[in-house]
Amino acid sequence: MDGKAPCFFPFRLLPALSAWWSLRLFPGCSRGGDEASSQDGFWVHSLVLAVLAAALLLTRLSCPLLEPEEARYAEIPRQMLAEGRVAEPVWHGEPYYHKPPLLYWLVMCGYGIFGVHDWAARLVPALASLATVFVTWLWGRRAFGPRAGFAGAVVLILSARFVYLGRMLTMDPLLCLWVTGALATAHLSVREGQLQRRWWLASAFLTGLGLLTKGPVAAVLTLVPVVLFQVLDRRCARPSPRALACYLAVAAAVAGPWYVAMAVMNPEAAGDFFWLHHVQRYLDPLDHEEPIWFFLPWLLVGTLPWSLLLLPLIWRGCHGFAATVPAKVAKPGWAAKACQPPALGFALLSFGWCFAFFSLSGCKRAVYILPALPWLALCLGCCLSSAPWRGLSWHPSPRAWKVCAGVVFVLLWVGVYVLLPDYHRRFALRGQVRRHQDAGMEVFCYPKRWDSVTFYLQRTDIHVFTAEQRAGLIAALQAQPGALLFVKRPALQELLQDLPPSLEFVEVGRQGPTMRVGVVRARQSVATRQLTLAGSP
């Protein structure tokens, strides 16, 4: 024994890993794009991104709400506003603590300004996604330079997956904005040898907003890449314990009051909030169970044609440094320019961690991957436009990429204006429900609750019966003939078989592929029906 304290083997590798990361993979200047002119094409880029984002994110928001998530997240703030319960989310008279309330509060503000409309609810995620595009662009300008930052933002807004998910009324577009902003400001605060306090506190504030949007997942998605970057890159600042305490204090000051109020008002719901809806849902496949590779096809197909740039990105990263690139695939002088900025490593860490975190989750939904898309777009934008990549002999010309971007925009525009509204009209329930808004009859749902019914009727006195309660439904229909019934299509046949001979189900209005609508009334006899037909004009 030499008397030295034993060292855990992985920690002995950290200095070598850090040197390989800093000196060979990402040896560029830490300030990245700051060396470029700060106003290089700024207003032109701003105008182009504003037009693209407005055309693809802020139009046709009046599409019908889809079940179940969109209708639920529109109905909860409507009920909160109607009942005056601001601090406590409420769903059909019961506290709803599955998620924090920031999205509900913002949707309530939209209702207060514009009225209760589906487009007013969707305005919140659409504006959040538009802001995410600009945050991606502004950070890319600082980190990579104006050209690559703009390319990354264009890749993001011209990705079909981002456009589709970014318009959807869920928690994830808002979470994507806060996580992207928190990671971007955290990188700006640590990329130099000295911690930049204002950016550090801004990151903490945005993390707090993320905690108030979807819970602890916001802190997990933000803090892990920042810690990994500090471990791998020897040039960045190391926050002191005091700085870390300030970070946590600011985040807690933003989100903490609501968490404390929740624990005081409903301690049992607070336990379910943390354990069931976060820890257990992540560890156990309670619902939405999918294979570990579930998100990969969504990313590759949903970001075409830009995902084709992953091939040179992976190829370049595998080599690690310019000197190993074969001369036959690189132009003269390319090795001298191949100085990848450390910010590219940070973007790869942010994307890789988000992708890995949700891939390992027990419950997977396609929208979960949304916070990873800005960082993937930035990596692809750097590959598309920055100097280390433009020197490759097989890299397409800028004109070719502009033509490609134009074609993609036209296709997305057609999708947003034609295909997406048609899809919503076909599978949403607004067309079947809203025509009965002025009907004064009793309304029943079977065998489940549809939030679209309560939202578009703007009524909360809807009677809901499950399949196990079919006998009770039939008794209620006998007691109140002439009631309006929304029934799931596969369950209609069983219900009709159990209806007594004195009742009949008569379809009214538009019928959809998943739900039938009709009036349950006293059955007319043959003589009565003939008399009615004879007396009709």
Protein backbone atom coordinates (compact mmCIF):
# COMPACT_ATOMS: atom_id res chain seq x y z
CA MET A 1 0.00 0.00 0.00
CA ASP A 2 1.38 3.44 -0.88
CA GLY A 3 -0.65 5.23 1.82
CA LYS A 4 -2.78 7.20 -0.67
CA ALA A 5 -6.51 7.35 -0.22
CA PRO A 6 -8.37 5.13 -2.69
CA CYS A 7 -10.18 6.92 -5.50
CA PHE A 8 -13.37 5.69 -7.10
CA PHE A 9 -12.44 4.67 -10.65
CA PRO A 10 -14.93 6.87 -12.63
CA PHE A 11 -13.71 9.98 -10.80
CA ARG A 12 -10.15 9.20 -11.88
CA LEU A 13 -11.38 9.39 -15.49
CA LEU A 14 -12.94 12.82 -15.11
CA PRO A 15 -9.76 14.86 -15.75
CA ALA A 16 -9.03 12.90 -18.93
CA LEU A 17 -12.64 13.15 -20.07
CA SER A 18 -12.69 16.88 -19.38
CA ALA A 19 -9.45 17.40 -21.33
CA TRP A 20 -10.78 15.38 -24.28
CA TRP A 21 -14.02 17.40 -24.25
CA SER A 22 -12.36 20.82 -23.95
CA LEU A 23 -9.28 20.36 -26.11
CA ARG A 24 -10.34 17.97 -28.83
CA LEU A 25 -14.13 17.90 -29.19
CA PHE A 26 -15.03 21.54 -28.53
CA PRO A 27 -11.85 23.61 -28.45
CA GLY A 28 -13.39 26.81 -29.88
CA CYS A 29 -13.64 30.20 -28.25
CA SER A 30 -16.04 30.14 -25.30
CA ARG A 31 -17.69 33.37 -26.41
CA GLY A 32 -18.61 31.83 -29.75
CA GLY A 33 -20.68 34.18 -31.84
CA ASP A 34 -19.94 37.31 -29.81
CA GLU A 35 -16.98 37.95 -32.10
CA ALA A 36 -19.37 38.50 -34.99
CA SER A 37 -21.11 41.78 -35.56
CA SER A 38 -23.98 41.95 -33.06
CA GLN A 39 -26.25 43.60 -35.64
CA ASP A 40 -25.33 41.38 -38.60
CA GLY A 41 -28.72 40.83 -40.26
CA PHE A 42 -30.51 41.25 -36.92
CA TRP A 43 -33.62 43.01 -38.21
CA VAL A 44 -33.85 40.94 -41.37
CA HIS A 45 -33.61 37.74 -39.35
CA SER A 46 -36.18 39.10 -36.87
CA LEU A 47 -38.66 39.83 -39.64
CA VAL A 48 -38.20 36.46 -41.34
CA LEU A 49 -38.65 34.52 -38.10
CA ALA A 50 -41.68 36.62 -37.12
CA VAL A 51 -43.37 35.94 -40.46
CA LEU A 52 -42.61 32.21 -40.37
CA ALA A 53 -43.71 31.81 -36.75
CA ALA A 54 -46.88 33.87 -37.17
CA ALA A 55 -47.88 31.95 -40.30
CA LEU A 56 -47.35 28.53 -38.75
CA LEU A 57 -48.14 29.05 -35.06
CA LEU A 58 -50.69 31.86 -34.74
CA THR A 59 -53.13 30.98 -37.51
CA ARG A 60 -56.08 28.57 -37.60
CA LEU A 61 -56.09 28.35 -33.82
CA SER A 62 -59.86 28.01 -33.91
CA CYS A 63 -59.66 24.33 -34.82
CA PRO A 64 -61.88 22.21 -32.53
CA LEU A 65 -60.26 20.95 -29.35
CA LEU A 66 -59.12 17.33 -29.36
CA GLU A 67 -59.97 14.86 -26.62
CA PRO A 68 -58.84 14.29 -23.99
CA GLU A 69 -55.93 16.65 -23.16
CA GLU A 70 -56.85 19.79 -25.10
CA ALA A 71 -60.48 19.75 -24.01
CA ARG A 72 -59.51 19.14 -20.38
CA TYR A 73 -56.90 21.91 -20.27
CA ALA A 74 -59.44 24.32 -21.77
CA GLU A 75 -62.28 23.26 -19.45
CA ILE A 76 -60.36 23.42 -16.15
CA PRO A 77 -59.59 27.17 -16.39
CA ARG A 78 -63.15 27.81 -17.61
CA GLN A 79 -64.50 26.17 -14.47
CA MET A 80 -61.95 27.96 -12.27
CA LEU A 81 -63.05 31.27 -13.77
CA ALA A 82 -66.75 30.46 -13.43
CA GLU A 83 -66.42 29.40 -9.79
CA GLY A 84 -63.90 32.08 -8.81
CA ARG A 85 -61.36 29.51 -7.60
CA VAL A 86 -58.07 31.01 -8.72
CA ALA A 87 -55.49 29.34 -6.50
CA GLU A 88 -56.95 25.83 -6.69
CA PRO A 89 -57.42 24.04 -10.03
CA VAL A 90 -60.88 22.52 -10.17
CA TRP A 91 -62.30 19.88 -12.47
CA HIS A 92 -66.03 19.19 -12.28
CA GLY A 93 -66.30 20.35 -8.70
CA GLU A 94 -63.24 18.47 -7.44
CA PRO A 95 -59.70 19.80 -6.80
CA TYR A 96 -57.38 18.85 -9.64
CA TYR A 97 -53.77 18.73 -8.46
CA HIS A 98 -52.26 16.63 -11.23
CA LYS A 99 -50.30 19.65 -12.53
CA PRO A 100 -49.40 23.13 -11.23
CA PRO A 101 -51.68 26.00 -12.27
CA LEU A 102 -49.59 28.40 -14.39
CA LEU A 103 -51.09 27.23 -17.70
CA TYR A 104 -54.58 27.48 -16.23
CA TRP A 105 -53.90 31.02 -15.00
CA LEU A 106 -52.68 32.16 -18.40
CA VAL A 107 -55.65 30.56 -20.17
CA MET A 108 -57.96 32.27 -17.68
CA CYS A 109 -56.36 35.59 -18.64
CA GLY A 110 -57.07 34.78 -22.28
CA TYR A 111 -60.70 34.03 -21.43
CA GLY A 112 -60.97 37.27 -19.50
CA ILE A 113 -59.69 39.30 -22.46
CA PHE A 114 -61.18 37.50 -25.46
CA GLY A 115 -63.97 35.40 -23.98
CA VAL A 116 -64.26 31.62 -23.62
CA HIS A 117 -63.20 30.27 -27.01
CA ASP A 118 -61.04 27.36 -28.09
CA TRP A 119 -58.72 29.73 -29.98
CA ALA A 120 -58.31 31.90 -26.87
CA ALA A 121 -57.11 28.84 -24.94
CA ARG A 122 -54.74 27.78 -27.73
CA LEU A 123 -53.24 31.27 -27.89
CA VAL A 124 -51.17 30.52 -24.76
CA PRO A 125 -49.16 27.54 -26.13
CA ALA A 126 -48.89 29.20 -29.55
CA LEU A 127 -47.35 32.37 -28.08
CA ALA A 128 -45.08 30.26 -25.87
CA SER A 129 -43.83 28.36 -28.93
CA LEU A 130 -43.27 31.62 -30.82
CA ALA A 131 -41.23 32.92 -27.87
CA THR A 132 -39.25 29.65 -27.86
CA VAL A 133 -38.24 30.26 -31.49
CA PHE A 134 -36.88 33.69 -30.61
CA VAL A 135 -35.10 32.45 -27.46
CA THR A 136 -33.46 29.75 -29.59
CA TRP A 137 -32.39 32.33 -32.15
CA LEU A 138 -31.03 34.88 -29.63
CA TRP A 139 -29.02 32.27 -27.74
CA GLY A 140 -27.74 30.79 -31.02
CA ARG A 141 -26.54 34.26 -32.13
CA ARG A 142 -24.49 34.64 -28.96
CA ALA A 143 -23.21 31.09 -28.91
CA PHE A 144 -22.59 30.27 -32.59
CA GLY A 145 -22.87 33.54 -34.47
CA PRO A 146 -25.68 35.21 -36.46
CA ARG A 147 -25.64 32.74 -39.35
CA ALA A 148 -25.77 29.53 -37.34
CA GLY A 149 -28.18 30.96 -34.75
CA PHE A 150 -30.60 32.01 -37.46
CA ALA A 151 -30.26 28.62 -39.17
CA GLY A 152 -31.08 26.85 -35.90
CA ALA A 153 -34.21 28.95 -35.37
CA VAL A 154 -35.33 28.33 -38.96
CA VAL A 155 -34.79 24.59 -38.55
CA LEU A 156 -36.95 24.71 -35.41
CA ILE A 157 -39.88 26.63 -36.90
CA LEU A 158 -39.74 24.57 -40.11
CA SER A 159 -39.92 21.25 -38.24
CA ALA A 160 -43.34 19.66 -38.58
CA ARG A 161 -43.16 18.08 -35.14
CA PHE A 162 -42.51 21.40 -33.43
CA VAL A 163 -45.28 23.17 -35.33
CA TYR A 164 -47.83 20.47 -34.52
CA LEU A 165 -46.92 20.07 -30.83
CA GLY A 166 -46.26 23.77 -30.30
CA ARG A 167 -49.87 24.66 -31.18
CA MET A 168 -51.38 21.97 -28.97
CA LEU A 169 -53.09 22.98 -25.73
CA THR A 170 -50.94 21.08 -23.23
CA MET A 171 -48.42 21.97 -20.53
CA ASP A 172 -45.47 21.09 -22.74
CA PRO A 173 -45.16 24.18 -25.03
CA LEU A 174 -45.05 26.40 -21.94
CA LEU A 175 -42.59 24.04 -20.23
CA CYS A 176 -40.46 24.06 -23.40
CA LEU A 177 -40.21 27.85 -23.26
CA TRP A 178 -39.12 27.95 -19.61
CA VAL A 179 -36.64 25.06 -19.92
CA THR A 180 -35.09 26.49 -23.11
CA GLY A 181 -34.78 29.92 -21.52
CA ALA A 182 -33.40 28.52 -18.26
CA LEU A 183 -30.75 26.44 -20.05
CA ALA A 184 -29.79 29.31 -22.36
CA THR A 185 -29.34 31.81 -19.54
CA ALA A 186 -27.53 29.25 -17.38
CA HIS A 187 -25.03 28.69 -20.20
CA LEU A 188 -24.50 32.45 -20.60
CA SER A 189 -23.83 32.69 -16.86
CA VAL A 190 -21.17 29.94 -16.66
CA ARG A 191 -19.44 29.99 -20.06
CA GLU A 192 -16.74 32.38 -18.86
CA GLY A 193 -14.35 31.82 -16.00
CA GLN A 194 -16.45 34.07 -13.76
CA LEU A 195 -20.13 33.52 -12.98
CA GLN A 196 -22.42 36.10 -14.58
CA ARG A 197 -24.86 36.77 -11.76
CA ARG A 198 -27.68 38.37 -13.75
CA TRP A 199 -27.92 35.43 -16.17
CA TRP A 200 -27.66 32.99 -13.28
CA LEU A 201 -30.61 34.54 -11.45
CA ALA A 202 -32.59 34.79 -14.71
CA SER A 203 -32.12 31.05 -15.17
CA ALA A 204 -33.34 30.44 -11.62
CA PHE A 205 -36.43 32.58 -12.24
CA LEU A 206 -37.28 30.67 -15.43
CA THR A 207 -36.77 27.37 -13.63
CA GLY A 208 -39.26 28.55 -11.03
CA LEU A 209 -41.78 29.24 -13.78
CA GLY A 210 -41.15 25.73 -15.09
CA LEU A 211 -41.82 24.33 -11.61
CA LEU A 212 -45.08 26.26 -11.62
CA THR A 213 -45.98 24.82 -15.04
CA LYS A 214 -45.31 21.09 -14.82
CA GLY A 215 -43.57 20.41 -11.56
CA PRO A 216 -40.08 19.11 -10.64
CA VAL A 217 -39.35 17.88 -14.17
CA ALA A 218 -38.42 21.48 -15.08
CA ALA A 219 -35.55 21.50 -12.57
CA VAL A 220 -34.39 18.05 -13.68
CA LEU A 221 -34.25 19.06 -17.35
CA THR A 222 -32.38 22.27 -16.51
CA LEU A 223 -29.89 21.46 -13.76
CA VAL A 224 -28.48 18.17 -15.05
CA PRO A 225 -27.09 19.56 -18.36
CA VAL A 226 -25.66 22.57 -16.53
CA VAL A 227 -23.85 20.34 -14.01
CA LEU A 228 -22.58 18.02 -16.74
CA PHE A 229 -21.28 20.98 -18.74
CA GLN A 230 -19.41 22.31 -15.70
CA VAL A 231 -17.85 18.89 -15.14
CA LEU A 232 -16.79 18.39 -18.76
CA ASP A 233 -15.69 21.89 -19.77
CA ARG A 234 -12.75 23.14 -17.74
CA ARG A 235 -13.15 26.72 -18.99
CA CYS A 236 -16.60 27.46 -17.53
CA ALA A 237 -17.32 28.98 -14.14
CA ARG A 238 -17.96 26.82 -11.09
CA PRO A 239 -20.81 28.32 -9.05
CA SER A 240 -20.07 28.57 -5.34
CA PRO A 241 -22.37 27.01 -2.72
CA ARG A 242 -23.72 30.50 -2.11
CA ALA A 243 -24.58 30.91 -5.81
CA LEU A 244 -26.30 27.53 -5.84
CA ALA A 245 -28.28 28.49 -2.74
CA CYS A 246 -29.35 31.73 -4.44
CA TYR A 247 -30.44 29.77 -7.51
CA LEU A 248 -32.61 27.43 -5.48
CA ALA A 249 -33.97 30.30 -3.38
CA VAL A 250 -35.10 32.27 -6.43
CA ALA A 251 -36.74 29.21 -8.02
CA ALA A 252 -38.44 28.39 -4.72
CA ALA A 253 -39.62 31.99 -4.31
CA VAL A 254 -41.38 31.79 -7.69
CA ALA A 255 -43.05 28.40 -7.31
CA GLY A 256 -42.94 27.80 -3.57
CA PRO A 257 -46.00 29.81 -2.45
CA TRP A 258 -48.36 27.72 -4.54
CA TYR A 259 -46.76 24.44 -3.40
CA VAL A 260 -47.08 25.50 0.23
CA ALA A 261 -50.69 26.55 -0.29
CA MET A 262 -51.44 23.21 -1.95
CA ALA A 263 -49.92 21.29 0.96
CA VAL A 264 -51.96 23.33 3.45
CA MET A 265 -55.26 23.14 1.56
CA ASN A 266 -55.05 19.47 0.64
CA PRO A 267 -52.17 17.47 2.17
CA GLU A 268 -53.34 14.19 0.61
CA ALA A 269 -53.41 15.75 -2.87
CA ALA A 270 -49.92 17.13 -2.29
CA GLY A 271 -48.64 13.62 -1.63
CA ASP A 272 -50.29 12.30 -4.78
CA PHE A 273 -48.92 15.25 -6.76
CA PHE A 274 -45.29 14.47 -5.94
CA TRP A 275 -45.36 10.70 -5.70
CA LEU A 276 -48.08 9.42 -8.04
CA HIS A 277 -47.97 12.02 -10.83
CA HIS A 278 -44.19 12.47 -10.94
CA VAL A 279 -42.12 9.73 -9.32
CA GLN A 280 -44.41 6.75 -9.87
CA ARG A 281 -45.49 7.83 -13.36
CA TYR A 282 -41.84 8.07 -14.33
CA LEU A 283 -40.78 4.75 -12.80
CA ASP A 284 -43.87 2.66 -13.59
CA PRO A 285 -45.80 2.48 -16.87
CA LEU A 286 -49.14 3.51 -15.36
CA ASP A 287 -50.34 4.54 -18.81
CA HIS A 288 -48.93 5.37 -22.23
CA GLU A 289 -46.45 2.48 -22.01
CA GLU A 290 -44.12 2.54 -25.00
CA PRO A 291 -40.74 0.98 -25.95
CA ILE A 292 -37.53 2.81 -25.12
CA TRP A 293 -37.02 3.83 -28.76
CA PHE A 294 -40.48 5.44 -28.94
CA PHE A 295 -39.25 9.03 -29.45
CA LEU A 296 -36.61 8.26 -32.07
CA PRO A 297 -38.97 7.84 -35.08
CA TRP A 298 -40.91 10.94 -34.02
CA LEU A 299 -37.69 12.96 -34.03
CA LEU A 300 -36.30 11.63 -37.29
CA VAL A 301 -39.54 11.90 -39.26
CA GLY A 302 -40.89 14.98 -37.52
CA THR A 303 -37.80 17.07 -38.29
CA LEU A 304 -37.29 16.06 -41.92
CA PRO A 305 -35.45 17.12 -44.03
CA TRP A 306 -33.25 18.67 -41.34
CA SER A 307 -32.74 15.37 -39.51
CA LEU A 308 -30.62 14.23 -42.46
CA LEU A 309 -27.94 16.55 -41.05
CA LEU A 310 -27.60 14.15 -38.12
CA LEU A 311 -25.40 11.97 -40.29
CA PRO A 312 -22.60 14.53 -40.75
CA LEU A 313 -23.12 15.70 -37.16
CA ILE A 314 -22.54 12.20 -35.79
CA TRP A 315 -19.71 11.55 -38.25
CA ARG A 316 -17.98 14.75 -37.24
CA GLY A 317 -18.42 14.06 -33.54
CA CYS A 318 -17.01 10.55 -33.84
CA HIS A 319 -13.76 11.92 -35.22
CA GLY A 320 -13.48 14.34 -32.36
CA PHE A 321 -10.98 16.68 -33.94
CA ALA A 322 -10.25 18.05 -37.41
CA ALA A 323 -6.91 16.38 -37.96
CA THR A 324 -8.51 12.95 -38.31
CA VAL A 325 -10.82 13.97 -41.15
CA PRO A 326 -9.77 12.31 -44.42
CA ALA A 327 -8.36 14.86 -46.83
CA LYS A 328 -10.48 13.59 -49.73
CA VAL A 329 -13.74 14.76 -48.06
CA ALA A 330 -12.51 18.17 -46.87
CA LYS A 331 -11.52 21.28 -48.74
CA PRO A 332 -8.07 22.83 -48.20
CA GLY A 333 -7.88 24.78 -44.96
CA TRP A 334 -10.94 23.13 -43.43
CA ALA A 335 -8.99 21.61 -40.55
CA ALA A 336 -7.77 25.03 -39.52
CA LYS A 337 -11.35 26.30 -39.36
CA ALA A 338 -12.73 23.24 -37.56
CA CYS A 339 -12.95 24.84 -34.15
CA GLN A 340 -16.23 23.72 -32.69
CA PRO A 341 -17.53 26.11 -30.00
CA PRO A 342 -18.13 24.81 -26.47
CA ALA A 343 -21.75 25.96 -26.87
CA LEU A 344 -22.26 23.11 -29.34
CA GLY A 345 -21.30 20.70 -26.58
CA PHE A 346 -23.79 22.37 -24.25
CA ALA A 347 -26.56 22.09 -26.86
CA LEU A 348 -25.75 18.41 -27.39
CA LEU A 349 -25.84 17.79 -23.64
CA SER A 350 -29.19 19.58 -23.30
CA PHE A 351 -30.72 17.64 -26.17
CA GLY A 352 -29.18 14.31 -25.20
CA TRP A 353 -30.27 14.55 -21.57
CA CYS A 354 -33.87 15.49 -22.44
CA PHE A 355 -34.07 12.69 -25.00
CA ALA A 356 -32.56 10.10 -22.61
CA PHE A 357 -34.66 11.24 -19.64
CA PHE A 358 -37.98 10.83 -21.41
CA SER A 359 -36.88 7.67 -23.24
CA LEU A 360 -36.26 6.02 -19.86
CA SER A 361 -39.62 7.13 -18.50
CA GLY A 362 -42.25 4.50 -17.82
CA CYS A 363 -44.99 6.71 -19.31
CA LYS A 364 -44.31 8.19 -22.74
CA ARG A 365 -46.39 10.58 -24.82
CA ALA A 366 -45.24 12.14 -28.07
CA VAL A 367 -45.53 15.69 -26.73
CA TYR A 368 -43.05 15.03 -23.90
CA ILE A 369 -40.08 15.37 -26.27
CA LEU A 370 -40.91 18.98 -27.16
CA PRO A 371 -38.25 20.59 -24.86
CA ALA A 372 -35.54 18.68 -26.74
CA LEU A 373 -36.41 20.11 -30.16
CA PRO A 374 -34.86 23.61 -29.75
CA TRP A 375 -31.50 22.10 -28.83
CA LEU A 376 -31.60 19.58 -31.65
CA ALA A 377 -32.45 22.43 -34.04
CA LEU A 378 -29.48 24.46 -32.78
CA CYS A 379 -27.11 21.54 -33.30
CA LEU A 380 -28.44 21.05 -36.83
CA GLY A 381 -28.27 24.79 -37.49
CA CYS A 382 -24.63 24.83 -36.43
CA CYS A 383 -24.00 21.88 -38.73
CA LEU A 384 -25.81 23.66 -41.53
CA SER A 385 -24.20 27.08 -41.45
CA SER A 386 -21.13 27.37 -39.24
CA ALA A 387 -17.61 27.36 -40.59
CA PRO A 388 -16.48 23.88 -39.45
CA TRP A 389 -19.21 22.30 -41.57
CA ARG A 390 -19.36 24.54 -44.62
CA GLY A 391 -15.87 23.43 -45.59
CA LEU A 392 -16.93 19.86 -46.33
CA SER A 393 -16.85 19.09 -50.04
CA TRP A 394 -20.26 17.38 -49.92
CA HIS A 395 -21.99 20.17 -48.03
CA PRO A 396 -24.90 21.58 -50.12
CA SER A 397 -24.75 25.19 -51.23
CA PRO A 398 -26.59 27.93 -49.27
CA ARG A 399 -28.92 28.40 -52.24
CA ALA A 400 -29.94 24.74 -52.10
CA TRP A 401 -30.83 25.04 -48.42
CA LYS A 402 -32.86 28.20 -49.05
CA VAL A 403 -34.86 26.41 -51.74
CA CYS A 404 -35.35 23.47 -49.38
CA ALA A 405 -36.55 25.81 -46.61
CA GLY A 406 -39.02 27.44 -49.00
CA VAL A 407 -40.47 24.09 -50.05
CA VAL A 408 -40.77 22.94 -46.43
CA PHE A 409 -42.55 26.16 -45.47
CA VAL A 410 -45.10 25.74 -48.25
CA LEU A 411 -45.79 22.15 -47.21
CA LEU A 412 -46.18 23.14 -43.56
CA TRP A 413 -48.44 26.04 -44.51
CA VAL A 414 -50.71 23.67 -46.43
CA GLY A 415 -50.72 21.34 -43.44
CA VAL A 416 -51.65 24.12 -41.00
CA TYR A 417 -54.31 25.68 -43.23
CA VAL A 418 -55.88 22.58 -44.78
CA LEU A 419 -54.87 19.22 -43.33
CA LEU A 420 -54.79 20.08 -39.62
CA PRO A 421 -58.23 21.77 -39.50
CA ASP A 422 -59.71 18.87 -41.46
CA TYR A 423 -58.20 16.38 -39.01
CA HIS A 424 -59.58 18.30 -36.03
CA ARG A 425 -63.03 18.61 -37.55
CA ARG A 426 -63.11 14.89 -38.20
CA PHE A 427 -61.99 13.64 -34.77
CA ALA A 428 -62.96 16.48 -32.41
CA LEU A 429 -66.45 16.78 -30.92
CA ARG A 430 -67.21 20.49 -31.38
CA GLY A 431 -69.39 19.99 -34.45
CA GLN A 432 -71.52 17.44 -32.60
CA VAL A 433 -71.81 19.39 -29.37
CA ARG A 434 -72.04 23.10 -30.10
CA ARG A 435 -75.25 22.87 -32.16
CA HIS A 436 -77.04 21.83 -28.93
CA GLN A 437 -75.75 24.80 -26.91
CA ASP A 438 -79.17 26.42 -26.58
CA ALA A 439 -81.03 23.23 -25.80
CA GLY A 440 -82.64 23.30 -22.38
CA MET A 441 -82.88 19.52 -22.01
CA GLU A 442 -80.94 17.33 -19.61
CA VAL A 443 -77.61 16.06 -20.95
CA PHE A 444 -76.09 12.63 -20.32
CA CYS A 445 -72.69 11.15 -21.25
CA TYR A 446 -72.01 7.42 -21.50
CA PRO A 447 -69.73 5.53 -20.76
CA LYS A 448 -67.25 8.34 -19.95
CA ARG A 449 -66.99 12.07 -19.54
CA TRP A 450 -66.05 14.27 -22.48
CA ASP A 451 -64.75 17.69 -21.51
CA SER A 452 -65.67 18.94 -24.97
CA VAL A 453 -69.33 18.52 -23.99
CA THR A 454 -69.05 20.74 -20.92
CA PHE A 455 -66.75 23.23 -22.66
CA TYR A 456 -68.80 23.83 -25.80
CA LEU A 457 -72.15 23.67 -23.98
CA GLN A 458 -70.62 25.79 -21.17
CA ARG A 459 -72.56 23.74 -18.66
CA THR A 460 -71.38 21.79 -15.64
CA ASP A 461 -74.66 19.97 -14.91
CA ILE A 462 -73.78 17.05 -17.20
CA HIS A 463 -74.75 13.60 -15.94
CA VAL A 464 -71.99 11.03 -16.48
CA PHE A 465 -72.49 7.26 -16.23
CA THR A 466 -69.87 4.55 -16.67
CA ALA A 467 -70.43 1.10 -18.17
CA GLU A 468 -70.89 -0.34 -14.68
CA GLN A 469 -73.63 2.25 -14.05
CA ARG A 470 -75.68 1.40 -17.15
CA ALA A 471 -78.70 0.37 -15.11
CA GLY A 472 -78.67 3.73 -13.32
CA LEU A 473 -78.44 5.54 -16.67
CA ILE A 474 -81.47 3.71 -18.02
CA ALA A 475 -83.43 4.53 -14.88
CA ALA A 476 -82.48 8.21 -15.20
CA LEU A 477 -83.49 8.27 -18.87
CA GLN A 478 -86.86 6.73 -18.00
CA ALA A 479 -87.40 9.40 -15.37
CA GLN A 480 -86.42 12.22 -17.76
CA PRO A 481 -87.58 11.36 -21.29
CA GLY A 482 -86.38 13.72 -24.00
CA ALA A 483 -82.85 13.95 -22.62
CA LEU A 484 -79.82 14.48 -24.87
CA LEU A 485 -77.37 11.58 -24.81
CA PHE A 486 -73.72 11.58 -25.94
CA VAL A 487 -72.59 7.98 -26.21
CA LYS A 488 -69.38 6.35 -27.35
CA ARG A 489 -70.00 4.56 -30.60
CA PRO A 490 -68.90 1.02 -29.53
CA ALA A 491 -71.06 1.26 -26.39
CA LEU A 492 -74.23 2.33 -28.19
CA GLN A 493 -75.28 -1.17 -29.29
CA GLU A 494 -75.11 -2.58 -25.77
CA LEU A 495 -77.09 0.35 -24.45
CA LEU A 496 -79.79 -0.04 -27.12
CA GLN A 497 -80.17 -3.70 -26.25
CA ASP A 498 -80.85 -2.81 -22.60
CA LEU A 499 -83.24 0.08 -23.28
CA PRO A 500 -86.81 -0.77 -22.30
CA PRO A 501 -89.37 -1.00 -25.12
CA SER A 502 -90.89 2.28 -23.97
CA LEU A 503 -87.76 4.27 -24.94
CA GLU A 504 -86.01 4.86 -28.23
CA PHE A 505 -82.73 6.57 -29.21
CA VAL A 506 -83.14 9.01 -32.10
CA GLU A 507 -79.97 10.45 -33.61
CA VAL A 508 -79.91 14.24 -33.95
CA GLY A 509 -77.40 16.51 -35.61
CA ARG A 510 -74.00 15.52 -36.85
CA GLN A 511 -72.63 12.07 -36.03
CA GLY A 512 -68.90 11.49 -35.63
CA PRO A 513 -66.59 8.49 -35.97
CA THR A 514 -66.18 8.08 -32.21
CA MET A 515 -69.37 9.43 -30.67
CA ARG A 516 -73.10 9.34 -31.43
CA VAL A 517 -75.56 12.02 -30.33
CA GLY A 518 -79.27 11.51 -29.91
CA VAL A 519 -82.41 12.14 -27.93
CA VAL A 520 -83.80 9.37 -25.75
CA ARG A 521 -87.56 9.76 -25.83
CA ALA A 522 -90.73 7.76 -25.35
CA ARG A 523 -91.14 5.31 -28.19
CA GLN A 524 -93.86 6.23 -30.62
CA SER A 525 -96.35 3.57 -31.60
CA VAL A 526 -96.87 2.73 -35.27
CA ALA A 527 -100.29 4.45 -35.29
CA THR A 528 -98.91 7.59 -33.65
CA ARG A 529 -95.99 7.71 -36.09
CA GLN A 530 -98.36 7.35 -39.09
CA LEU A 531 -100.64 10.07 -37.70
CA THR A 532 -97.65 12.37 -37.25
CA LEU A 533 -96.44 11.76 -40.79
CA ALA A 534 -99.94 12.27 -42.25
CA GLY A 535 -100.31 15.58 -40.48
CA SER A 536 -96.89 16.87 -41.48
CA PRO A 537 -96.71 19.32 -44.43
